[in-house]
């Protein structure tokens, strides 16, 4: 973990924009990114889902992650709400289990949910069911998640900065520049 922490600190400090706020949060970030990046390297599919206020960000992630100019393998990132348009209609445990069964069949190498948004949004029911989910939660302290504040006037900038750090970490792992112990 120390190598990841040091690498993350270097990546934060290399950033030309005001990213110093992240230095103190890298200890919360490191185990989360380690888990998410490891799952990606294992061949799991990433199902991105957000609350309504962050839909723009999901589109940004999905458009950016497989930009061909990155010269890296394409990664299986998909919008969960488009794969299953009735996601907002899921209420019971049985309904969520049916969706999980479908996803298990659809993604035999496994999958995990990357959720960005408010902690009390209905989509979190699905994300919270799996310990492997990558959670960026607004306005709540949720175990194994990265906490953000929706009232932060710099929230959109911080989301973009975090995505850039995420993407840089994944690339470093793919190309063997960073190993996770």
N, C-alpha and C. Protein backbone atom coordinates (compact mmCIF):
# COMPACT_ATOMS: atom_id res chain seq x y z
N UNK A 1 0.83 -1.20 0.00
CA UNK A 1 0.00 0.00 0.00
C UNK A 1 0.87 1.26 0.00
N UNK A 2 2.06 1.14 0.62
CA UNK A 2 2.92 2.32 0.69
C UNK A 2 3.32 2.79 -0.70
N UNK A 3 3.64 1.85 -1.61
CA UNK A 3 4.01 2.24 -2.96
C UNK A 3 2.86 3.00 -3.63
N UNK A 4 1.63 2.51 -3.46
CA UNK A 4 0.46 3.19 -4.03
C UNK A 4 0.28 4.57 -3.41
N UNK A 5 0.46 4.68 -2.10
CA UNK A 5 0.33 5.99 -1.43
C UNK A 5 1.38 6.97 -1.96
N UNK A 6 2.61 6.52 -2.08
CA UNK A 6 3.67 7.40 -2.59
C UNK A 6 3.43 7.77 -4.05
N UNK A 7 3.01 6.80 -4.85
CA UNK A 7 2.73 7.07 -6.25
C UNK A 7 1.58 8.07 -6.36
N UNK A 8 0.55 7.88 -5.56
CA UNK A 8 -0.61 8.78 -5.56
C UNK A 8 -0.20 10.19 -5.17
N UNK A 9 0.63 10.31 -4.15
CA UNK A 9 1.09 11.64 -3.74
C UNK A 9 1.85 12.31 -4.87
N UNK A 10 2.71 11.57 -5.55
CA UNK A 10 3.44 12.13 -6.68
C UNK A 10 2.51 12.56 -7.80
N UNK A 11 1.49 11.74 -8.08
CA UNK A 11 0.53 12.08 -9.14
C UNK A 11 -0.26 13.33 -8.78
N UNK A 12 -0.61 13.47 -7.52
CA UNK A 12 -1.34 14.66 -7.06
C UNK A 12 -0.48 15.90 -7.23
N UNK A 13 0.77 15.79 -6.83
CA UNK A 13 1.67 16.95 -6.89
C UNK A 13 2.08 17.31 -8.32
N UNK A 14 2.03 16.35 -9.25
CA UNK A 14 2.33 16.63 -10.66
C UNK A 14 1.22 17.44 -11.32
N UNK A 15 0.01 17.31 -10.80
CA UNK A 15 -1.15 17.94 -11.41
C UNK A 15 -0.98 19.46 -11.41
N UNK A 16 -1.24 20.07 -12.54
CA UNK A 16 -1.06 21.51 -12.67
C UNK A 16 -2.18 22.31 -12.00
N UNK A 17 -3.35 21.73 -11.88
CA UNK A 17 -4.46 22.44 -11.26
C UNK A 17 -4.36 22.33 -9.74
N UNK A 18 -5.19 23.02 -9.04
CA UNK A 18 -5.19 23.02 -7.58
C UNK A 18 -5.75 21.70 -7.06
N UNK A 19 -4.86 20.75 -6.90
CA UNK A 19 -5.26 19.41 -6.48
C UNK A 19 -4.71 19.07 -5.09
N UNK A 20 -4.11 20.06 -4.44
CA UNK A 20 -3.49 19.82 -3.14
C UNK A 20 -4.50 19.37 -2.09
N UNK A 21 -5.77 19.68 -2.28
CA UNK A 21 -6.80 19.25 -1.32
C UNK A 21 -6.80 17.73 -1.18
N UNK A 22 -6.38 17.03 -2.22
CA UNK A 22 -6.44 15.57 -2.23
C UNK A 22 -5.32 14.93 -1.41
N UNK A 23 -4.26 15.67 -1.14
CA UNK A 23 -3.14 15.08 -0.40
C UNK A 23 -3.59 14.47 0.93
N UNK A 24 -4.42 15.17 1.67
CA UNK A 24 -4.85 14.65 2.97
C UNK A 24 -5.86 13.51 2.85
N UNK A 25 -6.49 13.37 1.70
CA UNK A 25 -7.49 12.32 1.51
C UNK A 25 -6.92 11.07 0.84
N UNK A 26 -5.65 11.07 0.51
CA UNK A 26 -5.08 9.94 -0.21
C UNK A 26 -5.12 8.65 0.61
N UNK A 27 -5.15 8.75 1.93
CA UNK A 27 -5.22 7.55 2.76
C UNK A 27 -6.60 6.89 2.65
N UNK A 28 -7.64 7.68 2.47
CA UNK A 28 -8.98 7.13 2.24
C UNK A 28 -9.10 6.62 0.80
N UNK A 29 -8.43 7.29 -0.12
CA UNK A 29 -8.50 6.99 -1.54
C UNK A 29 -7.78 5.69 -1.89
N UNK A 30 -6.59 5.50 -1.35
CA UNK A 30 -5.72 4.40 -1.76
C UNK A 30 -6.38 3.02 -1.68
N UNK A 31 -7.01 2.63 -0.58
CA UNK A 31 -7.61 1.29 -0.57
C UNK A 31 -8.76 1.15 -1.56
N UNK A 32 -9.49 2.23 -1.81
CA UNK A 32 -10.61 2.19 -2.75
C UNK A 32 -10.13 2.04 -4.18
N UNK A 33 -9.11 2.82 -4.56
CA UNK A 33 -8.60 2.72 -5.92
C UNK A 33 -7.86 1.41 -6.12
N UNK A 34 -7.22 0.92 -5.08
CA UNK A 34 -6.54 -0.37 -5.17
C UNK A 34 -7.56 -1.47 -5.49
N UNK A 35 -8.67 -1.46 -4.80
CA UNK A 35 -9.71 -2.46 -5.03
C UNK A 35 -10.28 -2.34 -6.44
N UNK A 36 -10.66 -1.12 -6.83
CA UNK A 36 -11.27 -0.91 -8.15
C UNK A 36 -10.29 -1.27 -9.28
N UNK A 37 -9.07 -0.78 -9.19
CA UNK A 37 -8.10 -1.05 -10.25
C UNK A 37 -7.75 -2.54 -10.32
N UNK A 38 -7.65 -3.18 -9.18
CA UNK A 38 -7.37 -4.63 -9.17
C UNK A 38 -8.48 -5.40 -9.87
N UNK A 39 -9.72 -5.01 -9.61
CA UNK A 39 -10.85 -5.68 -10.25
C UNK A 39 -10.84 -5.46 -11.76
N UNK A 40 -10.46 -4.27 -12.19
CA UNK A 40 -10.37 -3.99 -13.62
C UNK A 40 -9.30 -4.89 -14.25
N UNK A 41 -8.14 -5.00 -13.59
CA UNK A 41 -7.06 -5.84 -14.10
C UNK A 41 -7.46 -7.32 -14.12
N UNK A 42 -8.36 -7.72 -13.23
CA UNK A 42 -8.85 -9.10 -13.20
C UNK A 42 -9.84 -9.37 -14.34
N UNK A 43 -10.24 -8.32 -15.05
CA UNK A 43 -11.16 -8.49 -16.17
C UNK A 43 -12.61 -8.26 -15.82
N UNK A 44 -12.88 -7.69 -14.66
CA UNK A 44 -14.27 -7.40 -14.31
C UNK A 44 -14.78 -6.20 -15.09
N UNK A 45 -16.07 -6.20 -15.32
CA UNK A 45 -16.75 -5.10 -15.98
C UNK A 45 -17.11 -4.04 -14.95
N UNK A 46 -17.02 -2.78 -15.35
CA UNK A 46 -17.38 -1.66 -14.47
C UNK A 46 -18.72 -1.11 -14.94
N UNK A 47 -19.70 -1.14 -14.06
CA UNK A 47 -21.03 -0.60 -14.35
C UNK A 47 -21.16 0.74 -13.63
N UNK A 48 -21.18 1.80 -14.41
CA UNK A 48 -21.20 3.16 -13.87
C UNK A 48 -22.65 3.60 -13.69
N UNK A 49 -22.93 4.15 -12.52
CA UNK A 49 -24.27 4.68 -12.24
C UNK A 49 -24.13 5.90 -11.32
N UNK A 50 -24.96 6.89 -11.57
CA UNK A 50 -24.92 8.11 -10.77
C UNK A 50 -26.35 8.55 -10.41
N UNK A 51 -26.42 9.48 -9.48
CA UNK A 51 -27.70 10.13 -9.25
C UNK A 51 -27.93 11.13 -10.38
N UNK A 52 -29.07 11.79 -10.40
CA UNK A 52 -29.42 12.68 -11.51
C UNK A 52 -28.45 13.83 -11.67
N UNK A 53 -27.99 14.39 -10.56
CA UNK A 53 -27.11 15.56 -10.63
C UNK A 53 -25.75 15.26 -11.21
N UNK A 54 -25.35 14.00 -11.21
CA UNK A 54 -24.03 13.62 -11.72
C UNK A 54 -24.10 12.83 -13.03
N UNK A 55 -25.24 12.86 -13.71
CA UNK A 55 -25.35 12.16 -15.01
C UNK A 55 -24.31 12.66 -16.00
N UNK A 56 -24.04 13.95 -15.99
CA UNK A 56 -23.03 14.52 -16.88
C UNK A 56 -21.68 13.85 -16.65
N UNK A 57 -21.39 13.57 -15.38
CA UNK A 57 -20.10 12.99 -15.03
C UNK A 57 -20.00 11.54 -15.50
N UNK A 58 -21.09 10.80 -15.42
CA UNK A 58 -21.10 9.43 -15.94
C UNK A 58 -20.81 9.45 -17.44
N UNK A 59 -21.44 10.38 -18.16
CA UNK A 59 -21.17 10.50 -19.59
C UNK A 59 -19.71 10.84 -19.85
N UNK A 60 -19.17 11.72 -19.03
CA UNK A 60 -17.76 12.08 -19.17
C UNK A 60 -16.86 10.85 -18.98
N UNK A 61 -17.11 10.09 -17.92
CA UNK A 61 -16.32 8.88 -17.65
C UNK A 61 -16.40 7.93 -18.84
N UNK A 62 -17.60 7.66 -19.29
CA UNK A 62 -17.80 6.68 -20.36
C UNK A 62 -17.21 7.14 -21.69
N UNK A 63 -17.20 8.44 -21.93
CA UNK A 63 -16.59 8.97 -23.15
C UNK A 63 -15.07 9.02 -23.06
N UNK A 64 -14.55 9.19 -21.87
CA UNK A 64 -13.12 9.38 -21.69
C UNK A 64 -12.34 8.10 -21.47
N UNK A 65 -12.92 7.14 -20.78
CA UNK A 65 -12.15 5.98 -20.33
C UNK A 65 -11.53 5.20 -21.49
N UNK A 66 -12.20 5.13 -22.60
CA UNK A 66 -11.67 4.38 -23.74
C UNK A 66 -11.27 5.28 -24.90
N UNK A 67 -10.81 6.46 -24.59
CA UNK A 67 -10.28 7.36 -25.61
C UNK A 67 -9.10 6.67 -26.29
N UNK A 68 -9.17 6.50 -27.57
CA UNK A 68 -8.15 5.76 -28.31
C UNK A 68 -6.77 6.41 -28.24
N UNK A 69 -6.71 7.68 -27.93
CA UNK A 69 -5.42 8.36 -27.84
C UNK A 69 -4.64 7.95 -26.59
N UNK A 70 -5.27 7.23 -25.70
CA UNK A 70 -4.58 6.76 -24.50
C UNK A 70 -3.65 5.58 -24.80
N UNK A 71 -3.81 5.00 -25.98
CA UNK A 71 -2.94 3.89 -26.39
C UNK A 71 -2.85 2.80 -25.32
N UNK A 72 -3.99 2.35 -24.87
CA UNK A 72 -4.04 1.25 -23.92
C UNK A 72 -5.22 0.36 -24.30
N UNK A 73 -5.27 -0.83 -23.74
CA UNK A 73 -6.42 -1.71 -24.05
C UNK A 73 -7.74 -1.03 -23.67
N UNK A 74 -8.76 -1.34 -24.44
CA UNK A 74 -10.08 -0.82 -24.12
C UNK A 74 -10.61 -1.55 -22.88
N UNK A 75 -11.30 -0.81 -22.04
CA UNK A 75 -11.78 -1.35 -20.77
C UNK A 75 -13.30 -1.46 -20.77
N UNK A 76 -13.84 -2.51 -20.15
CA UNK A 76 -15.29 -2.73 -20.17
C UNK A 76 -16.03 -1.85 -19.14
N UNK A 77 -16.35 -0.65 -19.54
CA UNK A 77 -17.12 0.29 -18.73
C UNK A 77 -18.46 0.51 -19.42
N UNK A 78 -19.56 0.35 -18.69
CA UNK A 78 -20.89 0.51 -19.27
C UNK A 78 -21.82 1.23 -18.31
N UNK A 79 -22.80 1.94 -18.83
CA UNK A 79 -23.78 2.64 -17.98
C UNK A 79 -24.87 1.67 -17.50
N UNK A 80 -24.92 1.43 -16.22
CA UNK A 80 -25.88 0.47 -15.67
C UNK A 80 -27.32 0.86 -15.97
N UNK A 81 -27.65 2.14 -15.86
CA UNK A 81 -29.03 2.57 -16.08
C UNK A 81 -29.47 2.41 -17.54
N UNK A 82 -28.53 2.34 -18.47
CA UNK A 82 -28.88 2.09 -19.87
C UNK A 82 -28.95 0.59 -20.16
N UNK A 83 -28.15 -0.18 -19.47
CA UNK A 83 -28.21 -1.63 -19.62
C UNK A 83 -29.53 -2.15 -19.07
N UNK A 84 -29.94 -1.58 -17.95
CA UNK A 84 -31.20 -1.97 -17.32
C UNK A 84 -32.01 -0.71 -17.03
N UNK A 85 -32.80 -0.24 -18.01
CA UNK A 85 -33.54 1.02 -17.87
C UNK A 85 -34.54 1.05 -16.71
N UNK A 86 -34.92 -0.11 -16.20
CA UNK A 86 -35.87 -0.16 -15.09
C UNK A 86 -35.18 -0.13 -13.73
N UNK A 87 -33.94 0.29 -13.69
CA UNK A 87 -33.17 0.31 -12.46
C UNK A 87 -33.88 1.08 -11.35
N UNK A 88 -34.46 2.21 -11.69
CA UNK A 88 -35.15 3.03 -10.68
C UNK A 88 -36.38 2.35 -10.12
N UNK A 89 -36.89 1.35 -10.82
CA UNK A 89 -38.11 0.65 -10.38
C UNK A 89 -37.82 -0.48 -9.39
N UNK A 90 -36.56 -0.82 -9.21
CA UNK A 90 -36.23 -1.92 -8.28
C UNK A 90 -36.48 -1.48 -6.84
N UNK A 91 -37.24 -2.28 -6.13
CA UNK A 91 -37.53 -1.94 -4.74
C UNK A 91 -37.25 -3.10 -3.80
N UNK A 92 -37.62 -4.29 -4.20
CA UNK A 92 -37.49 -5.43 -3.29
C UNK A 92 -36.14 -6.11 -3.46
N UNK A 93 -35.78 -6.85 -2.45
CA UNK A 93 -34.56 -7.65 -2.49
C UNK A 93 -34.63 -8.66 -3.62
N UNK A 94 -35.80 -9.22 -3.83
CA UNK A 94 -35.98 -10.22 -4.88
C UNK A 94 -35.74 -9.59 -6.27
N UNK A 95 -36.23 -8.38 -6.49
CA UNK A 95 -36.02 -7.70 -7.77
C UNK A 95 -34.53 -7.40 -7.99
N UNK A 96 -33.86 -6.98 -6.93
CA UNK A 96 -32.43 -6.71 -7.06
C UNK A 96 -31.65 -8.00 -7.32
N UNK A 97 -32.09 -9.08 -6.72
CA UNK A 97 -31.43 -10.37 -6.94
C UNK A 97 -31.61 -10.82 -8.40
N UNK A 98 -32.78 -10.56 -8.96
CA UNK A 98 -33.01 -10.90 -10.37
C UNK A 98 -32.05 -10.12 -11.28
N UNK A 99 -31.86 -8.85 -10.98
CA UNK A 99 -30.92 -8.05 -11.76
C UNK A 99 -29.50 -8.58 -11.58
N UNK A 100 -29.13 -8.89 -10.36
CA UNK A 100 -27.79 -9.44 -10.12
C UNK A 100 -27.59 -10.75 -10.86
N UNK A 101 -28.62 -11.59 -10.91
CA UNK A 101 -28.53 -12.84 -11.66
C UNK A 101 -28.28 -12.56 -13.15
N UNK A 102 -29.01 -11.58 -13.70
CA UNK A 102 -28.83 -11.22 -15.10
C UNK A 102 -27.41 -10.71 -15.34
N UNK A 103 -26.90 -9.87 -14.42
CA UNK A 103 -25.57 -9.32 -14.57
C UNK A 103 -24.50 -10.41 -14.45
N UNK A 104 -24.72 -11.37 -13.57
CA UNK A 104 -23.78 -12.49 -13.43
C UNK A 104 -23.70 -13.29 -14.73
N UNK A 105 -24.84 -13.48 -15.38
CA UNK A 105 -24.87 -14.20 -16.66
C UNK A 105 -24.20 -13.36 -17.75
N UNK A 106 -24.49 -12.07 -17.75
CA UNK A 106 -23.97 -11.17 -18.78
C UNK A 106 -22.47 -10.92 -18.67
N UNK A 107 -21.95 -10.94 -17.45
CA UNK A 107 -20.54 -10.63 -17.21
C UNK A 107 -19.90 -11.78 -16.44
N UNK A 108 -19.58 -12.88 -17.13
CA UNK A 108 -19.06 -14.07 -16.44
C UNK A 108 -17.72 -13.85 -15.74
N UNK A 109 -16.95 -12.84 -16.14
CA UNK A 109 -15.70 -12.53 -15.44
C UNK A 109 -15.94 -11.69 -14.19
N UNK A 110 -17.19 -11.33 -13.97
CA UNK A 110 -17.54 -10.51 -12.81
C UNK A 110 -17.76 -9.07 -13.20
N UNK A 111 -18.29 -8.32 -12.27
CA UNK A 111 -18.56 -6.90 -12.46
C UNK A 111 -18.55 -6.22 -11.10
N UNK A 112 -18.43 -4.91 -11.14
CA UNK A 112 -18.66 -4.13 -9.92
C UNK A 112 -19.29 -2.82 -10.32
N UNK A 113 -19.94 -2.21 -9.36
CA UNK A 113 -20.66 -0.96 -9.61
C UNK A 113 -19.82 0.21 -9.14
N UNK A 114 -19.69 1.21 -10.00
CA UNK A 114 -19.06 2.47 -9.63
C UNK A 114 -20.21 3.47 -9.51
N UNK A 115 -20.52 3.82 -8.26
CA UNK A 115 -21.62 4.74 -8.00
C UNK A 115 -21.07 6.09 -7.55
N UNK A 116 -21.60 7.17 -8.14
CA UNK A 116 -21.24 8.52 -7.78
C UNK A 116 -22.54 9.28 -7.51
N UNK A 117 -22.72 9.75 -6.29
CA UNK A 117 -23.92 10.52 -5.98
C UNK A 117 -24.27 10.50 -4.51
N UNK A 118 -25.47 10.96 -4.25
CA UNK A 118 -25.98 11.04 -2.88
C UNK A 118 -26.12 9.64 -2.29
N UNK A 119 -25.85 9.53 -1.02
CA UNK A 119 -25.89 8.25 -0.35
C UNK A 119 -27.27 7.68 -0.13
N UNK A 120 -28.29 8.53 -0.23
CA UNK A 120 -29.65 8.05 0.00
C UNK A 120 -30.45 7.88 -1.30
N UNK A 121 -29.77 7.95 -2.43
CA UNK A 121 -30.44 7.78 -3.72
C UNK A 121 -30.87 6.32 -3.89
N UNK A 122 -31.99 6.06 -4.55
CA UNK A 122 -32.44 4.67 -4.74
C UNK A 122 -31.41 3.75 -5.41
N UNK A 123 -30.55 4.28 -6.27
CA UNK A 123 -29.55 3.44 -6.93
C UNK A 123 -28.53 2.87 -5.95
N UNK A 124 -28.40 3.51 -4.80
CA UNK A 124 -27.40 3.00 -3.86
C UNK A 124 -27.79 1.64 -3.29
N UNK A 125 -29.08 1.31 -3.32
CA UNK A 125 -29.50 0.00 -2.82
C UNK A 125 -28.74 -1.10 -3.54
N UNK A 126 -28.60 -0.95 -4.82
CA UNK A 126 -27.88 -1.94 -5.63
C UNK A 126 -26.38 -1.88 -5.34
N UNK A 127 -25.84 -0.69 -5.27
CA UNK A 127 -24.39 -0.53 -5.05
C UNK A 127 -23.97 -1.02 -3.67
N UNK A 128 -24.79 -0.76 -2.66
CA UNK A 128 -24.45 -1.16 -1.29
C UNK A 128 -24.52 -2.66 -1.08
N UNK A 129 -25.19 -3.37 -1.96
CA UNK A 129 -25.32 -4.83 -1.81
C UNK A 129 -24.01 -5.57 -2.07
N UNK A 130 -23.08 -4.91 -2.73
CA UNK A 130 -21.84 -5.56 -3.11
C UNK A 130 -20.66 -4.86 -2.45
N UNK A 131 -19.86 -5.61 -1.72
CA UNK A 131 -18.69 -5.04 -1.03
C UNK A 131 -17.63 -4.54 -2.00
N UNK A 132 -17.68 -4.97 -3.25
CA UNK A 132 -16.67 -4.59 -4.24
C UNK A 132 -17.00 -3.28 -4.96
N UNK A 133 -18.15 -2.68 -4.67
CA UNK A 133 -18.53 -1.45 -5.36
C UNK A 133 -17.52 -0.34 -5.08
N UNK A 134 -17.36 0.53 -6.06
CA UNK A 134 -16.50 1.71 -5.97
C UNK A 134 -17.44 2.88 -5.75
N UNK A 135 -17.44 3.43 -4.55
CA UNK A 135 -18.45 4.40 -4.14
C UNK A 135 -17.85 5.79 -3.90
N UNK A 136 -18.40 6.78 -4.59
CA UNK A 136 -18.09 8.17 -4.31
C UNK A 136 -19.41 8.78 -3.81
N UNK A 137 -19.53 8.93 -2.52
CA UNK A 137 -20.80 9.28 -1.89
C UNK A 137 -20.80 10.75 -1.44
N UNK A 138 -21.91 11.42 -1.76
CA UNK A 138 -22.09 12.82 -1.38
C UNK A 138 -22.86 12.92 -0.06
N UNK A 139 -22.37 13.76 0.82
CA UNK A 139 -23.08 14.21 2.01
C UNK A 139 -23.32 13.13 3.06
N UNK A 140 -22.63 12.03 2.98
CA UNK A 140 -22.76 10.98 3.99
C UNK A 140 -21.43 10.28 4.16
N UNK A 141 -21.21 9.80 5.36
CA UNK A 141 -20.03 8.97 5.63
C UNK A 141 -20.49 7.53 5.54
N UNK A 142 -20.07 6.84 4.50
CA UNK A 142 -20.43 5.44 4.27
C UNK A 142 -19.12 4.64 4.28
N UNK A 143 -19.09 3.52 5.03
CA UNK A 143 -17.87 2.72 5.04
C UNK A 143 -17.45 2.31 3.62
N UNK A 144 -16.14 2.28 3.40
CA UNK A 144 -15.56 1.87 2.12
C UNK A 144 -16.02 2.73 0.95
N UNK A 145 -16.13 4.02 1.21
CA UNK A 145 -16.50 4.95 0.13
C UNK A 145 -15.64 6.20 0.25
N UNK A 146 -15.60 6.97 -0.84
CA UNK A 146 -14.91 8.24 -0.84
C UNK A 146 -15.98 9.32 -0.65
N UNK A 147 -15.82 10.11 0.40
CA UNK A 147 -16.84 11.10 0.76
C UNK A 147 -16.57 12.45 0.09
N UNK A 148 -17.63 13.02 -0.44
CA UNK A 148 -17.60 14.35 -1.05
C UNK A 148 -18.80 15.13 -0.55
N UNK A 149 -18.77 16.43 -0.73
CA UNK A 149 -19.89 17.29 -0.31
C UNK A 149 -20.55 17.91 -1.54
N UNK A 150 -21.84 17.70 -1.67
CA UNK A 150 -22.54 18.22 -2.85
C UNK A 150 -22.63 19.75 -2.83
N UNK A 151 -22.50 20.37 -1.67
CA UNK A 151 -22.56 21.83 -1.58
C UNK A 151 -21.21 22.49 -1.87
N UNK A 152 -20.17 21.71 -2.06
CA UNK A 152 -18.85 22.23 -2.35
C UNK A 152 -18.89 22.94 -3.70
N UNK A 153 -18.53 24.22 -3.71
CA UNK A 153 -18.58 24.99 -4.96
C UNK A 153 -17.58 24.47 -5.99
N UNK A 154 -16.60 23.70 -5.55
CA UNK A 154 -15.61 23.13 -6.45
C UNK A 154 -15.87 21.66 -6.75
N UNK A 155 -17.05 21.17 -6.43
CA UNK A 155 -17.33 19.74 -6.58
C UNK A 155 -17.07 19.24 -7.99
N UNK A 156 -17.57 19.92 -9.00
CA UNK A 156 -17.38 19.44 -10.38
C UNK A 156 -15.90 19.35 -10.74
N UNK A 157 -15.14 20.33 -10.32
CA UNK A 157 -13.70 20.31 -10.57
C UNK A 157 -13.06 19.14 -9.84
N UNK A 158 -13.46 18.92 -8.61
CA UNK A 158 -12.91 17.81 -7.83
C UNK A 158 -13.26 16.47 -8.45
N UNK A 159 -14.47 16.32 -8.95
CA UNK A 159 -14.84 15.07 -9.62
C UNK A 159 -13.94 14.82 -10.83
N UNK A 160 -13.71 15.85 -11.62
CA UNK A 160 -12.85 15.70 -12.80
C UNK A 160 -11.41 15.38 -12.39
N UNK A 161 -10.93 16.02 -11.34
CA UNK A 161 -9.59 15.73 -10.85
C UNK A 161 -9.48 14.29 -10.35
N UNK A 162 -10.49 13.85 -9.62
CA UNK A 162 -10.49 12.47 -9.11
C UNK A 162 -10.53 11.47 -10.26
N UNK A 163 -11.34 11.77 -11.26
CA UNK A 163 -11.38 10.87 -12.42
C UNK A 163 -10.01 10.81 -13.08
N UNK A 164 -9.36 11.94 -13.24
CA UNK A 164 -8.05 11.96 -13.87
C UNK A 164 -7.06 11.12 -13.06
N UNK A 165 -7.12 11.21 -11.73
CA UNK A 165 -6.24 10.40 -10.88
C UNK A 165 -6.59 8.92 -11.02
N UNK A 166 -7.88 8.62 -11.05
CA UNK A 166 -8.32 7.23 -11.26
C UNK A 166 -7.77 6.69 -12.58
N UNK A 167 -7.96 7.44 -13.64
CA UNK A 167 -7.55 7.00 -14.97
C UNK A 167 -6.03 6.84 -15.04
N UNK A 168 -5.31 7.75 -14.45
CA UNK A 168 -3.85 7.69 -14.44
C UNK A 168 -3.38 6.46 -13.66
N UNK A 169 -4.05 6.15 -12.56
CA UNK A 169 -3.71 4.98 -11.74
C UNK A 169 -3.95 3.70 -12.52
N UNK A 170 -5.09 3.60 -13.17
CA UNK A 170 -5.40 2.41 -13.96
C UNK A 170 -4.37 2.22 -15.08
N UNK A 171 -4.04 3.29 -15.77
CA UNK A 171 -3.04 3.20 -16.84
C UNK A 171 -1.69 2.75 -16.29
N UNK A 172 -1.29 3.31 -15.17
CA UNK A 172 0.00 2.93 -14.57
C UNK A 172 0.01 1.45 -14.21
N UNK A 173 -1.11 0.94 -13.75
CA UNK A 173 -1.19 -0.48 -13.41
C UNK A 173 -1.18 -1.35 -14.67
N UNK A 174 -1.90 -0.94 -15.67
CA UNK A 174 -1.94 -1.71 -16.92
C UNK A 174 -0.55 -1.82 -17.53
N UNK A 175 0.19 -0.72 -17.52
CA UNK A 175 1.51 -0.69 -18.16
C UNK A 175 2.64 -1.14 -17.24
N UNK A 176 2.29 -1.58 -16.02
CA UNK A 176 3.30 -2.11 -15.10
C UNK A 176 4.13 -1.05 -14.41
N UNK A 177 3.70 0.20 -14.44
CA UNK A 177 4.43 1.26 -13.75
C UNK A 177 4.09 1.31 -12.27
N UNK A 178 3.05 0.60 -11.87
CA UNK A 178 2.60 0.59 -10.49
C UNK A 178 2.08 -0.80 -10.18
N UNK A 179 2.59 -1.38 -9.14
CA UNK A 179 2.13 -2.69 -8.71
C UNK A 179 1.40 -2.57 -7.39
N UNK A 180 0.37 -3.35 -7.24
CA UNK A 180 -0.38 -3.38 -5.99
C UNK A 180 -0.02 -4.64 -5.24
N UNK A 181 0.47 -4.48 -4.03
CA UNK A 181 0.80 -5.65 -3.22
C UNK A 181 -0.41 -6.08 -2.45
